C-alpha atoms as a PDB file:
ATOM      1  CA  UNK A   1    -116.045 -42.211  45.997  1.00  0.00           C
ATOM      2  CA  UNK A   2    -115.606 -45.702  47.394  1.00  0.00           C
ATOM      3  CA  UNK A   3    -113.887 -48.311  45.291  1.00  0.00           C
ATOM      4  CA  UNK A   4    -115.204 -51.777  44.553  1.00  0.00           C
ATOM      5  CA  UNK A   5    -112.504 -54.251  43.549  1.00  0.00           C
ATOM      6  CA  UNK A   6    -114.070 -57.594  42.572  1.00  0.00           C
ATOM      7  CA  UNK A   7    -111.998 -60.754  42.149  1.00  0.00           C
ATOM      8  CA  UNK A   8    -113.443 -61.597  38.705  1.00  0.00           C
ATOM      9  CA  UNK A   9    -112.885 -58.098  37.355  1.00  0.00           C
ATOM     10  CA  UNK A  10    -113.373 -58.933  33.646  1.00  0.00           C
ATOM     11  CA  UNK A  11    -116.777 -60.508  34.322  1.00  0.00           C
ATOM     12  CA  UNK A  12    -117.834 -57.621  36.550  1.00  0.00           C
ATOM     13  CA  UNK A  13    -116.522 -55.057  34.061  1.00  0.00           C
ATOM     14  CA  UNK A  14    -118.817 -56.546  31.423  1.00  0.00           C
ATOM     15  CA  UNK A  15    -121.751 -56.517  33.866  1.00  0.00           C
ATOM     16  CA  UNK A  16    -120.946 -52.900  34.754  1.00  0.00           C
ATOM     17  CA  UNK A  17    -120.940 -51.943  31.045  1.00  0.00           C
ATOM     18  CA  UNK A  18    -124.331 -53.668  30.639  1.00  0.00           C
ATOM     19  CA  UNK A  19    -125.711 -51.821  33.670  1.00  0.00           C
ATOM     20  CA  UNK A  20    -124.329 -48.540  32.300  1.00  0.00           C
ATOM     21  CA  UNK A  21    -126.211 -49.212  29.057  1.00  0.00           C
ATOM     22  CA  UNK A  22    -129.449 -49.366  31.068  1.00  0.00           C
ATOM     23  CA  UNK A  23    -128.554 -46.190  32.967  1.00  0.00           C
ATOM     24  CA  UNK A  24    -127.744 -44.333  29.748  1.00  0.00           C
ATOM     25  CA  UNK A  25    -131.029 -45.466  28.148  1.00  0.00           C
ATOM     26  CA  UNK A  26    -132.969 -44.107  31.131  1.00  0.00           C
ATOM     27  CA  UNK A  27    -131.131 -40.813  30.674  1.00  0.00           C
ATOM     28  CA  UNK A  28    -131.428 -40.781  26.855  1.00  0.00           C
ATOM     29  CA  UNK A  29    -134.456 -42.911  25.858  1.00  0.00           C
ATOM     30  CA  UNK A  30    -133.929 -42.261  22.119  1.00  0.00           C
ATOM     31  CA  UNK A  31    -130.189 -42.879  22.179  1.00  0.00           C
ATOM     32  CA  UNK A  32    -130.324 -44.859  18.929  1.00  0.00           C
ATOM     33  CA  UNK A  33    -131.918 -41.875  17.139  1.00  0.00           C
ATOM     34  CA  UNK A  34    -129.474 -39.113  18.125  1.00  0.00           C
ATOM     35  CA  UNK A  35    -128.157 -37.762  14.816  1.00  0.00           C
ATOM     36  CA  UNK A  36    -125.882 -34.943  15.956  1.00  0.00           C
ATOM     37  CA  UNK A  37    -126.488 -34.022  19.558  1.00  0.00           C
ATOM     38  CA  UNK A  38    -128.998 -33.147  22.235  1.00  0.00           C
ATOM     39  CA  UNK A  39    -129.253 -31.118  25.439  1.00  0.00           C
ATOM     40  CA  UNK A  40    -130.965 -31.942  28.736  1.00  0.00           C
ATOM     41  CA  UNK A  41    -131.858 -29.074  31.072  1.00  0.00           C
ATOM     42  CA  UNK A  42    -132.743 -29.072  34.763  1.00  0.00           C
ATOM     43  CA  UNK A  43    -133.632 -25.702  36.344  1.00  0.00           C
ATOM     44  CA  UNK A  44    -130.761 -24.366  38.436  1.00  0.00           C
ATOM     45  CA  UNK A  45    -128.263 -26.947  37.139  1.00  0.00           C
ATOM     46  CA  UNK A  46    -125.709 -26.875  34.309  1.00  0.00           C
ATOM     47  CA  UNK A  47    -126.876 -28.142  30.923  1.00  0.00           C
ATOM     48  CA  UNK A  48    -126.025 -31.736  30.033  1.00  0.00           C
ATOM     49  CA  UNK A  49    -124.869 -32.125  26.415  1.00  0.00           C
ATOM     50  CA  UNK A  50    -124.738 -35.280  24.311  1.00  0.00           C
ATOM     51  CA  UNK A  51    -122.799 -35.110  21.052  1.00  0.00           C
ATOM     52  CA  UNK A  52    -122.491 -37.877  18.455  1.00  0.00           C
ATOM     53  CA  UNK A  53    -118.840 -38.234  17.411  1.00  0.00           C
ATOM     54  CA  UNK A  54    -118.837 -41.464  15.355  1.00  0.00           C
ATOM     55  CA  UNK A  55    -121.567 -43.628  13.882  1.00  0.00           C
ATOM     56  CA  UNK A  56    -121.679 -47.174  12.515  1.00  0.00           C
ATOM     57  CA  UNK A  57    -124.637 -49.555  12.206  1.00  0.00           C
ATOM     58  CA  UNK A  58    -124.495 -50.991  15.748  1.00  0.00           C
ATOM     59  CA  UNK A  59    -121.882 -48.876  17.528  1.00  0.00           C
ATOM     60  CA  UNK A  60    -121.723 -45.164  18.272  1.00  0.00           C
ATOM     61  CA  UNK A  61    -119.211 -42.940  20.043  1.00  0.00           C
ATOM     62  CA  UNK A  62    -120.690 -40.065  22.064  1.00  0.00           C
ATOM     63  CA  UNK A  63    -119.401 -37.288  24.262  1.00  0.00           C
ATOM     64  CA  UNK A  64    -121.536 -36.592  27.327  1.00  0.00           C
ATOM     65  CA  UNK A  65    -120.710 -33.541  29.414  1.00  0.00           C
ATOM     66  CA  UNK A  66    -121.954 -30.693  31.542  1.00  0.00           C
ATOM     67  CA  UNK A  67    -121.341 -27.120  30.406  1.00  0.00           C
ATOM     68  CA  UNK A  68    -120.321 -24.895  33.306  1.00  0.00           C
ATOM     69  CA  UNK A  69    -120.310 -21.128  32.712  1.00  0.00           C
ATOM     70  CA  UNK A  70    -116.986 -19.472  33.529  1.00  0.00           C
ATOM     71  CA  UNK A  71    -115.363 -16.078  32.976  1.00  0.00           C
ATOM     72  CA  UNK A  72    -114.172 -16.761  29.407  1.00  0.00           C
ATOM     73  CA  UNK A  73    -116.926 -18.994  28.079  1.00  0.00           C
ATOM     74  CA  UNK A  74    -118.103 -22.475  28.918  1.00  0.00           C
ATOM     75  CA  UNK A  75    -116.167 -25.237  30.660  1.00  0.00           C
ATOM     76  CA  UNK A  76    -117.092 -28.734  29.465  1.00  0.00           C
ATOM     77  CA  UNK A  77    -116.637 -31.321  32.219  1.00  0.00           C
ATOM     78  CA  UNK A  78    -116.323 -34.223  32.587  1.00  0.00           C
ATOM     79  CA  UNK A  79    -116.400 -34.565  28.750  1.00  0.00           C
ATOM     80  CA  UNK A  80    -116.902 -38.327  28.930  1.00  0.00           C
ATOM     81  CA  UNK A  81    -116.346 -40.245  25.686  1.00  0.00           C
ATOM     82  CA  UNK A  82    -118.564 -43.311  25.451  1.00  0.00           C
ATOM     83  CA  UNK A  83    -118.677 -46.299  23.115  1.00  0.00           C
ATOM     84  CA  UNK A  84    -122.259 -47.545  22.887  1.00  0.00           C
ATOM     85  CA  UNK A  85    -122.690 -51.044  21.428  1.00  0.00           C
ATOM     86  CA  UNK A  86    -126.373 -51.524  20.628  1.00  0.00           C
ATOM     87  CA  UNK A  87    -126.004 -55.182  19.641  1.00  0.00           C
ATOM     88  CA  UNK A  88    -124.149 -56.111  22.861  1.00  0.00           C
ATOM     89  CA  UNK A  89    -126.217 -53.615  24.911  1.00  0.00           C
ATOM     90  CA  UNK A  90    -123.113 -52.189  26.590  1.00  0.00           C
ATOM     91  CA  UNK A  91    -121.629 -48.748  27.226  1.00  0.00           C
ATOM     92  CA  UNK A  92    -117.895 -48.400  27.757  1.00  0.00           C
ATOM     93  CA  UNK A  93    -116.276 -45.184  28.943  1.00  0.00           C
ATOM     94  CA  UNK A  94    -113.227 -44.485  26.778  1.00  0.00           C
ATOM     95  CA  UNK A  95    -111.873 -41.303  28.389  1.00  0.00           C
ATOM     96  CA  UNK A  96    -112.799 -37.984  29.955  1.00  0.00           C
ATOM     97  CA  UNK A  97    -111.273 -34.538  30.422  1.00  0.00           C
ATOM     98  CA  UNK A  98    -109.093 -35.772  33.305  1.00  0.00           C
ATOM     99  CA  UNK A  99    -108.272 -39.311  32.113  1.00  0.00           C
ATOM    100  CA  UNK A 100    -106.921 -40.236  28.682  1.00  0.00           C
ATOM    101  CA  UNK A 101    -107.833 -43.374  26.788  1.00  0.00           C
ATOM    102  CA  UNK A 102    -106.397 -46.674  27.974  1.00  0.00           C
ATOM    103  CA  UNK A 103    -103.666 -46.912  25.299  1.00  0.00           C
ATOM    104  CA  UNK A 104    -102.368 -43.427  26.008  1.00  0.00           C
ATOM    105  CA  UNK A 105    -102.577 -43.838  29.780  1.00  0.00           C
ATOM    106  CA  UNK A 106    -100.787 -47.191  29.873  1.00  0.00           C
ATOM    107  CA  UNK A 107     -98.178 -46.796  27.141  1.00  0.00           C
ATOM    108  CA  UNK A 108     -95.368 -47.656  29.534  1.00  0.00           C
ATOM    109  CA  UNK A 109     -97.203 -50.539  31.234  1.00  0.00           C
ATOM    110  CA  UNK A 110     -99.761 -52.223  28.960  1.00  0.00           C
ATOM    111  CA  UNK A 111    -100.059 -55.367  31.124  1.00  0.00           C
ATOM    112  CA  UNK A 112    -103.514 -56.976  30.881  1.00  0.00           C
ATOM    113  CA  UNK A 113    -104.132 -56.486  34.624  1.00  0.00           C
ATOM    114  CA  UNK A 114    -103.265 -52.774  34.368  1.00  0.00           C
ATOM    115  CA  UNK A 115    -105.575 -52.346  31.351  1.00  0.00           C
ATOM    116  CA  UNK A 116    -108.404 -54.092  33.200  1.00  0.00           C
ATOM    117  CA  UNK A 117    -107.855 -51.971  36.328  1.00  0.00           C
ATOM    118  CA  UNK A 118    -107.840 -48.768  34.273  1.00  0.00           C
ATOM    119  CA  UNK A 119    -111.007 -49.724  32.375  1.00  0.00           C
ATOM    120  CA  UNK A 120    -112.653 -50.674  35.655  1.00  0.00           C
ATOM    121  CA  UNK A 121    -111.882 -47.264  37.174  1.00  0.00           C
ATOM    122  CA  UNK A 122    -113.247 -45.428  34.109  1.00  0.00           C
ATOM    123  CA  UNK A 123    -116.472 -47.409  33.960  1.00  0.00           C
ATOM    124  CA  UNK A 124    -117.035 -47.357  37.717  1.00  0.00           C
ATOM    125  CA  UNK A 125    -116.772 -43.556  37.553  1.00  0.00           C
ATOM    126  CA  UNK A 126    -119.268 -43.573  34.662  1.00  0.00           C
ATOM    127  CA  UNK A 127    -121.770 -45.626  36.658  1.00  0.00           C
ATOM    128  CA  UNK A 128    -121.605 -43.197  39.581  1.00  0.00           C
ATOM    129  CA  UNK A 129    -121.871 -40.148  37.304  1.00  0.00           C
ATOM    130  CA  UNK A 130    -124.855 -41.566  35.385  1.00  0.00           C
ATOM    131  CA  UNK A 131    -126.525 -42.311  38.735  1.00  0.00           C
ATOM    132  CA  UNK A 132    -125.886 -38.684  39.728  1.00  0.00           C
ATOM    133  CA  UNK A 133    -127.393 -37.376  36.469  1.00  0.00           C
ATOM    134  CA  UNK A 134    -130.474 -39.579  36.898  1.00  0.00           C
ATOM    135  CA  UNK A 135    -130.902 -38.563  40.561  1.00  0.00           C
ATOM    136  CA  UNK A 136    -130.636 -34.893  39.522  1.00  0.00           C
ATOM    137  CA  UNK A 137    -133.612 -35.506  37.160  1.00  0.00           C
ATOM    138  CA  UNK A 138    -131.722 -35.014  33.888  1.00  0.00           C
ATOM    139  CA  UNK A 139    -133.555 -36.640  30.966  1.00  0.00           C
ATOM    140  CA  UNK A 140    -133.193 -36.138  27.228  1.00  0.00           C
ATOM    141  CA  UNK A 141    -136.571 -35.663  25.528  1.00  0.00           C
ATOM    142  CA  UNK A 142    -138.016 -38.384  23.333  1.00  0.00           C
ATOM    143  CA  UNK A 143    -138.474 -37.632  19.647  1.00  0.00           C
ATOM    144  CA  UNK A 144    -141.488 -38.788  17.654  1.00  0.00           C
ATOM    145  CA  UNK A 145    -140.557 -41.590  15.255  1.00  0.00           C
ATOM    146  CA  UNK A 146    -140.788 -40.632  11.580  1.00  0.00           C
ATOM    147  CA  UNK A 147    -143.186 -42.910   9.714  1.00  0.00           C
ATOM    148  CA  UNK A 148    -141.507 -45.935   8.198  1.00  0.00           C
ATOM    149  CA  UNK A 149    -138.261 -45.493  10.149  1.00  0.00           C
ATOM    150  CA  UNK A 150    -136.762 -48.670  11.543  1.00  0.00           C
ATOM    151  CA  UNK A 151    -135.189 -48.263  14.955  1.00  0.00           C
ATOM    152  CA  UNK A 152    -132.346 -50.366  16.281  1.00  0.00           C
ATOM    153  CA  UNK A 153    -133.490 -52.950  18.813  1.00  0.00           C
ATOM    154  CA  UNK A 154    -132.565 -51.650  22.270  1.00  0.00           C
END
């Protein structure tokens, strides 16, 4: 994977999180209506699972991962944890199976530049992985809206 290192990293990180919101909405059109979890299937490819971990009025934390069959069960990778902010229309990757959250990863060196670099690497990975999922034709099915239900503006 090639790296992109912009000069105004904080501005571009925000733009990347906004773009990732759009990518995630193409993958999961009813993202604001996921109550527990959902599964997307593509023939011949591992299932893609979305699980709701935390819920508040405008922010949700999800885990998005593939399930790979292995000898002793299923292997969940990359097990990406995402913070979705519906009011800001952003998605931020918090961690995955290989990379801990920013506070745990940078305990010894919590300099602002190091935090920004770490967040950039997480969210750049997320953008590439979401592009891969979209190119592989993964899509989570839309659900019919119950009558009278108000959806969050997305």
